[in-house]
Amino acid sequence: MTHILFVCHGNICRSPMAEYIMRHLVSQAHLSDSIHIASAATSTEEIGNPVYPPARRKLLQHGISCDGHSARQITRADYSRFDIIVGMDTYNMRNMMRLFNNDPERKLHLLMDFTTRPGDVADPWYTGNFDATWRDCLEGCTALLNLITNRKNSL
């Protein structure tokens, strides 16, 4: 079983979008029994809140539900519970590097680094552009899933 954790600042926009997109892709690939997916925040600002309404609407436009999501903060224990921990931007990565003692097992990655367009996932909180965030998350999650399935097939 591969355990993946997506992380952003508040766990109400980008990381839940990535979480639910990845769940959808994994389900379509009939891999739900072998890949566990979750998301978390680096901050405490939104703990307990659902997915931000425009992010929820964007997911629903693509037939993806995020019902039941409740924002939570990442913990030190998450490092041992997850195999791949994916930050949405460099700010998230800096926070996680501090929390996880500079990532001794090299579990931390930026989502867009799995693509041909490395960098940060567009932050819709400031731009309102949920289309760009959707595209980034879909591209990153697709590339990550391809990497995981190709790695398993090559074992």
Protein backbone atom coordinates (compact mmCIF):
# COMPACT_ATOMS: atom_id res chain seq x y z
CA MET A 1 0.00 0.00 0.00
CA THR A 2 1.29 3.44 -0.96
CA HIS A 3 0.25 6.29 1.36
CA ILE A 4 0.19 9.82 -0.13
CA LEU A 5 -0.38 13.08 1.76
CA PHE A 6 -1.04 16.36 -0.06
CA VAL A 7 -0.24 19.54 1.89
CA CYS A 8 -1.01 23.24 1.49
CA HIS A 9 -1.37 26.20 3.83
CA GLY A 10 -4.99 25.80 4.97
CA ASN A 11 -6.17 22.43 3.59
CA ILE A 12 -9.29 23.99 2.06
CA CYS A 13 -8.24 24.69 -1.57
CA ARG A 14 -5.17 23.19 -3.23
CA SER A 15 -4.37 20.13 -1.11
CA PRO A 16 -7.97 18.87 -0.97
CA MET A 17 -8.31 19.51 -4.71
CA ALA A 18 -5.22 17.37 -5.25
CA GLU A 19 -6.47 14.76 -2.76
CA TYR A 20 -9.85 14.32 -4.43
CA ILE A 21 -8.46 14.49 -7.97
CA MET A 22 -5.95 11.79 -7.05
CA ARG A 23 -8.66 9.67 -5.42
CA HIS A 24 -10.68 9.96 -8.63
CA LEU A 25 -7.70 9.00 -10.82
CA VAL A 26 -6.80 6.09 -8.53
CA SER A 27 -10.40 4.86 -8.58
CA GLN A 28 -10.52 5.04 -12.38
CA ALA A 29 -7.30 3.00 -12.50
CA HIS A 30 -8.83 0.42 -10.12
CA LEU A 31 -6.04 1.01 -7.59
CA SER A 32 -8.05 2.18 -4.57
CA ASP A 33 -7.03 -0.93 -2.62
CA SER A 34 -3.32 -0.17 -3.06
CA ILE A 35 -3.10 3.64 -2.75
CA HIS A 36 -4.30 5.62 0.29
CA ILE A 37 -4.69 9.40 -0.15
CA ALA A 38 -5.19 12.23 2.38
CA SER A 39 -4.44 15.93 2.77
CA ALA A 40 -3.44 18.37 5.52
CA ALA A 41 -2.48 21.97 6.27
CA THR A 42 0.71 23.52 7.51
CA SER A 43 -1.30 26.15 9.44
CA THR A 44 -4.06 26.01 12.05
CA GLU A 45 -6.19 28.71 10.41
CA GLU A 46 -8.81 26.50 8.76
CA ILE A 47 -8.85 23.39 10.98
CA GLY A 48 -12.26 21.72 10.86
CA ASN A 49 -13.47 23.68 7.82
CA PRO A 50 -14.79 22.04 4.65
CA VAL A 51 -13.34 22.58 1.19
CA TYR A 52 -13.60 26.25 0.16
CA PRO A 53 -16.81 26.68 -1.90
CA PRO A 54 -15.17 27.70 -5.22
CA ALA A 55 -12.79 24.71 -4.97
CA ARG A 56 -15.74 22.45 -4.18
CA ARG A 57 -17.61 23.80 -7.23
CA LYS A 58 -14.58 23.22 -9.47
CA LEU A 59 -14.33 19.60 -8.34
CA LEU A 60 -18.08 19.09 -8.82
CA GLN A 61 -17.81 20.50 -12.38
CA HIS A 62 -15.65 17.46 -13.08
CA GLY A 63 -17.90 15.00 -11.25
CA ILE A 64 -15.71 14.78 -8.14
CA SER A 65 -17.24 15.04 -4.67
CA CYS A 66 -15.31 16.23 -1.65
CA ASP A 67 -18.12 15.74 0.86
CA GLY A 68 -16.99 15.02 4.38
CA HIS A 69 -13.66 16.83 4.10
CA SER A 70 -12.53 18.56 7.29
CA ALA A 71 -9.28 20.53 7.25
CA ARG A 72 -6.59 19.23 9.57
CA GLN A 73 -3.04 20.22 10.41
CA ILE A 74 -0.06 18.06 9.48
CA THR A 75 1.70 16.39 12.42
CA ARG A 76 5.15 14.92 13.03
CA ALA A 77 3.50 11.46 13.10
CA ASP A 78 2.46 11.92 9.47
CA TYR A 79 6.07 11.45 8.40
CA SER A 80 6.04 7.81 9.45
CA ARG A 81 2.45 7.22 8.26
CA PHE A 82 2.94 8.43 4.67
CA ASP A 83 5.33 7.28 1.93
CA ILE A 84 5.01 10.38 -0.26
CA ILE A 85 4.28 13.85 1.15
CA VAL A 86 3.44 16.40 -1.53
CA GLY A 87 3.57 20.16 -0.98
CA MET A 88 1.72 22.60 -3.17
CA ASP A 89 4.37 25.34 -3.00
CA THR A 90 7.86 26.18 -1.76
CA TYR A 91 6.47 27.86 1.37
CA ASN A 92 4.74 24.57 2.34
CA MET A 93 7.98 22.71 1.64
CA ARG A 94 9.99 24.99 3.95
CA ASN A 95 7.48 24.43 6.76
CA MET A 96 7.53 20.67 6.24
CA MET A 97 11.33 20.53 6.08
CA ARG A 98 11.43 22.15 9.53
CA LEU A 99 8.71 19.88 10.92
CA PHE A 100 10.29 16.73 9.47
CA ASN A 101 13.94 17.42 10.36
CA ASN A 102 15.05 18.14 6.76
CA ASP A 103 13.32 15.06 5.32
CA PRO A 104 15.86 12.32 6.08
CA GLU A 105 13.94 9.71 4.04
CA ARG A 106 13.37 12.05 1.06
CA LYS A 107 9.58 11.76 1.18
CA LEU A 108 8.86 15.45 0.48
CA HIS A 109 8.09 16.61 -3.06
CA LEU A 110 6.44 19.54 -4.82
CA LEU A 111 3.45 18.36 -6.85
CA MET A 112 4.51 20.17 -10.00
CA ASP A 113 7.99 18.62 -9.81
CA PHE A 114 6.40 15.40 -11.07
CA THR A 115 5.50 17.27 -14.30
CA THR A 116 7.44 18.97 -17.07
CA ARG A 117 6.50 22.30 -15.43
CA PRO A 118 8.23 22.28 -12.01
CA GLY A 119 7.26 24.93 -9.47
CA ASP A 120 4.30 25.91 -7.34
CA VAL A 121 0.66 24.95 -7.83
CA ALA A 122 -1.33 28.10 -8.63
CA ASP A 123 -2.86 29.47 -5.41
CA PRO A 124 -6.52 30.36 -6.02
CA TRP A 125 -6.91 31.93 -2.58
CA TYR A 126 -5.21 35.07 -3.91
CA THR A 127 -6.02 34.90 -7.63
CA GLY A 128 -9.50 33.39 -7.65
CA ASN A 129 -8.35 31.33 -10.64
CA PHE A 130 -9.56 27.86 -9.74
CA ASP A 131 -9.18 26.74 -13.37
CA ALA A 132 -5.39 27.14 -13.14
CA THR A 133 -5.33 25.26 -9.84
CA TRP A 134 -7.46 22.49 -11.34
CA ARG A 135 -5.07 22.16 -14.30
CA ASP A 136 -1.99 22.09 -12.07
CA CYS A 137 -3.47 19.53 -9.67
CA LEU A 138 -4.73 17.31 -12.48
CA GLU A 139 -1.39 17.41 -14.30
CA GLY A 140 0.60 16.80 -11.12
CA CYS A 141 -1.62 14.00 -9.85
CA THR A 142 -1.65 12.29 -13.25
CA ALA A 143 2.15 12.41 -13.40
CA LEU A 144 2.48 11.14 -9.82
CA LEU A 145 0.11 8.25 -10.46
CA ASN A 146 2.03 7.35 -13.63
CA LEU A 147 5.27 7.37 -11.64
CA ILE A 148 3.80 5.12 -8.93
CA THR A 149 2.27 2.63 -11.38
CA ASN A 150 5.41 2.52 -13.55
CA ARG A 151 7.57 1.95 -10.48
CA LYS A 152 5.33 -0.91 -9.33
CA ASN A 153 5.34 -2.46 -12.81
CA SER A 154 9.13 -2.32 -12.95
CA LEU A 155 9.64 -4.17 -9.64
